[in-house]
Amino acid sequence: MKQIKLVQAFNDLETGLHYNAGDMYPRYLEPTPERVAFLREHGVFEEVDEGTGETFEKPTDKNTVDEIKGYLDQVGIEYDNAAKKADLLALITD
């Protein structure tokens, strides 16, 4: 999993660690996909490319299927490789 930059502080109930806004998550242990989805749904982080520190741009219908799949791979969202563009976009939550 790529590291994610936190935009708000929280206590990680899975590890017992406290994180501040601006910290990179995870520190030590790989979180479960369910934990990542929960944090994403609650606006705790923004996805950041750990190599460049850039925030990943959320794809739209103007992106290609390959670009959308690349985004999904970067943020750890699983998908059916044969899925259509609309189905892939539907996997992305705000």
C-alpha atoms as a PDB file:
ATOM      1  CA  MET A   1       0.000   0.000   0.000  1.00  0.00           C
ATOM      2  CA  LYS A   2       1.127   3.519  -0.712  1.00  0.00           C
ATOM      3  CA  GLN A   3       1.425   5.779   2.284  1.00  0.00           C
ATOM      4  CA  ILE A   4      -1.364   8.277   2.796  1.00  0.00           C
ATOM      5  CA  LYS A   5      -1.116  11.772   4.218  1.00  0.00           C
ATOM      6  CA  LEU A   6      -3.549  12.414   7.028  1.00  0.00           C
ATOM      7  CA  VAL A   7      -5.627  15.558   6.934  1.00  0.00           C
ATOM      8  CA  GLN A   8      -6.955  15.116  10.453  1.00  0.00           C
ATOM      9  CA  ALA A   9      -5.693  13.558  13.664  1.00  0.00           C
ATOM     10  CA  PHE A  10      -7.048  10.221  14.850  1.00  0.00           C
ATOM     11  CA  ASN A  11      -6.283   7.271  17.098  1.00  0.00           C
ATOM     12  CA  ASP A  12      -5.792   4.069  15.140  1.00  0.00           C
ATOM     13  CA  LEU A  13      -7.918   1.518  16.957  1.00  0.00           C
ATOM     14  CA  GLU A  14      -6.176  -1.379  15.204  1.00  0.00           C
ATOM     15  CA  THR A  15      -2.653  -0.470  16.384  1.00  0.00           C
ATOM     16  CA  GLY A  16      -3.300   1.865  19.318  1.00  0.00           C
ATOM     17  CA  LEU A  17      -1.126   4.547  17.708  1.00  0.00           C
ATOM     18  CA  HIS A  18      -2.023   8.241  17.625  1.00  0.00           C
ATOM     19  CA  TYR A  19      -1.609  10.110  14.332  1.00  0.00           C
ATOM     20  CA  ASN A  20      -1.597  13.876  13.810  1.00  0.00           C
ATOM     21  CA  ALA A  21      -2.734  15.792  10.737  1.00  0.00           C
ATOM     22  CA  GLY A  22       0.146  15.774   8.250  1.00  0.00           C
ATOM     23  CA  ASP A  23       1.510  12.402   9.401  1.00  0.00           C
ATOM     24  CA  MET A  24       1.975   9.624   6.864  1.00  0.00           C
ATOM     25  CA  TYR A  25      -0.128   6.480   7.411  1.00  0.00           C
ATOM     26  CA  PRO A  26       0.593   3.645   8.088  1.00  0.00           C
ATOM     27  CA  ARG A  27       3.653   3.897  10.298  1.00  0.00           C
ATOM     28  CA  TYR A  28       4.472   0.249  10.853  1.00  0.00           C
ATOM     29  CA  LEU A  29       1.768  -2.266  10.058  1.00  0.00           C
ATOM     30  CA  GLU A  30      -0.124  -2.699   6.802  1.00  0.00           C
ATOM     31  CA  PRO A  31      -3.768  -1.787   7.471  1.00  0.00           C
ATOM     32  CA  THR A  32      -6.593  -4.031   6.365  1.00  0.00           C
ATOM     33  CA  PRO A  33      -8.522  -3.005   3.228  1.00  0.00           C
ATOM     34  CA  GLU A  34     -11.560  -2.487   5.455  1.00  0.00           C
ATOM     35  CA  ARG A  35      -9.611  -0.049   7.650  1.00  0.00           C
ATOM     36  CA  VAL A  36      -8.407   1.928   4.617  1.00  0.00           C
ATOM     37  CA  ALA A  37     -11.962   2.089   3.260  1.00  0.00           C
ATOM     38  CA  PHE A  38     -13.251   3.295   6.644  1.00  0.00           C
ATOM     39  CA  LEU A  39     -10.621   6.043   6.866  1.00  0.00           C
ATOM     40  CA  ARG A  40     -11.259   7.101   3.259  1.00  0.00           C
ATOM     41  CA  GLU A  41     -15.018   7.281   3.848  1.00  0.00           C
ATOM     42  CA  HIS A  42     -14.484   9.469   6.909  1.00  0.00           C
ATOM     43  CA  GLY A  43     -12.133  11.914   5.158  1.00  0.00           C
ATOM     44  CA  VAL A  44      -9.151  11.155   7.392  1.00  0.00           C
ATOM     45  CA  PHE A  45      -6.586  11.207   4.572  1.00  0.00           C
ATOM     46  CA  GLU A  46      -5.734  12.215   1.061  1.00  0.00           C
ATOM     47  CA  GLU A  47      -3.863   9.738  -1.107  1.00  0.00           C
ATOM     48  CA  VAL A  48      -0.243  10.705  -1.711  1.00  0.00           C
ATOM     49  CA  ASP A  49       2.372   9.099  -3.952  1.00  0.00           C
ATOM     50  CA  GLU A  50       5.108   8.199  -1.467  1.00  0.00           C
ATOM     51  CA  GLY A  51       7.777   8.588  -4.158  1.00  0.00           C
ATOM     52  CA  THR A  52       6.843  12.126  -5.186  1.00  0.00           C
ATOM     53  CA  GLY A  53       4.637  13.287  -2.333  1.00  0.00           C
ATOM     54  CA  GLU A  54       1.968  14.283  -4.855  1.00  0.00           C
ATOM     55  CA  THR A  55      -1.710  13.822  -4.166  1.00  0.00           C
ATOM     56  CA  PHE A  56      -3.368  11.361  -6.522  1.00  0.00           C
ATOM     57  CA  GLU A  57      -5.997  12.955  -8.732  1.00  0.00           C
ATOM     58  CA  LYS A  58      -9.368  11.260  -8.539  1.00  0.00           C
ATOM     59  CA  PRO A  59     -10.200  10.092 -12.083  1.00  0.00           C
ATOM     60  CA  THR A  60     -13.309  11.106 -13.986  1.00  0.00           C
ATOM     61  CA  ASP A  61     -15.043   9.819 -17.118  1.00  0.00           C
ATOM     62  CA  LYS A  62     -12.450  11.818 -19.102  1.00  0.00           C
ATOM     63  CA  ASN A  63      -9.717   9.409 -17.990  1.00  0.00           C
ATOM     64  CA  THR A  64      -8.938   6.206 -19.847  1.00  0.00           C
ATOM     65  CA  VAL A  65      -9.748   2.800 -18.381  1.00  0.00           C
ATOM     66  CA  ASP A  66      -6.010   2.201 -17.846  1.00  0.00           C
ATOM     67  CA  GLU A  67      -5.654   5.498 -15.954  1.00  0.00           C
ATOM     68  CA  ILE A  68      -8.621   4.626 -13.756  1.00  0.00           C
ATOM     69  CA  LYS A  69      -7.199   1.172 -13.058  1.00  0.00           C
ATOM     70  CA  GLY A  70      -3.852   2.790 -12.201  1.00  0.00           C
ATOM     71  CA  TYR A  71      -5.576   5.024  -9.654  1.00  0.00           C
ATOM     72  CA  LEU A  72      -7.454   2.061  -8.174  1.00  0.00           C
ATOM     73  CA  ASP A  73      -4.180   0.133  -7.897  1.00  0.00           C
ATOM     74  CA  GLN A  74      -2.481   3.089  -6.186  1.00  0.00           C
ATOM     75  CA  VAL A  75      -5.179   3.467  -3.558  1.00  0.00           C
ATOM     76  CA  GLY A  76      -5.698  -0.263  -3.012  1.00  0.00           C
ATOM     77  CA  ILE A  77      -9.184  -0.710  -4.429  1.00  0.00           C
ATOM     78  CA  GLU A  78      -9.761  -4.124  -6.001  1.00  0.00           C
ATOM     79  CA  TYR A  79     -11.645  -4.415  -9.300  1.00  0.00           C
ATOM     80  CA  ASP A  80     -12.591  -6.909 -11.994  1.00  0.00           C
ATOM     81  CA  ASN A  81     -10.020  -6.576 -14.773  1.00  0.00           C
ATOM     82  CA  ALA A  82     -12.833  -6.886 -17.354  1.00  0.00           C
ATOM     83  CA  ALA A  83     -14.910  -4.094 -15.745  1.00  0.00           C
ATOM     84  CA  LYS A  84     -16.161  -1.217 -17.894  1.00  0.00           C
ATOM     85  CA  LYS A  85     -15.176   2.406 -17.267  1.00  0.00           C
ATOM     86  CA  ALA A  86     -18.460   3.282 -15.517  1.00  0.00           C
ATOM     87  CA  ASP A  87     -18.130   0.266 -13.216  1.00  0.00           C
ATOM     88  CA  LEU A  88     -14.559   1.229 -12.309  1.00  0.00           C
ATOM     89  CA  LEU A  89     -15.553   4.825 -11.568  1.00  0.00           C
ATOM     90  CA  ALA A  90     -18.397   3.571  -9.364  1.00  0.00           C
ATOM     91  CA  LEU A  91     -15.802   1.907  -7.098  1.00  0.00           C
ATOM     92  CA  ILE A  92     -14.316   5.280  -6.206  1.00  0.00           C
ATOM     93  CA  THR A  93     -15.933   6.884  -3.180  1.00  0.00           C
ATOM     94  CA  ASP A  94     -15.523  10.474  -2.057  1.00  0.00           C
END
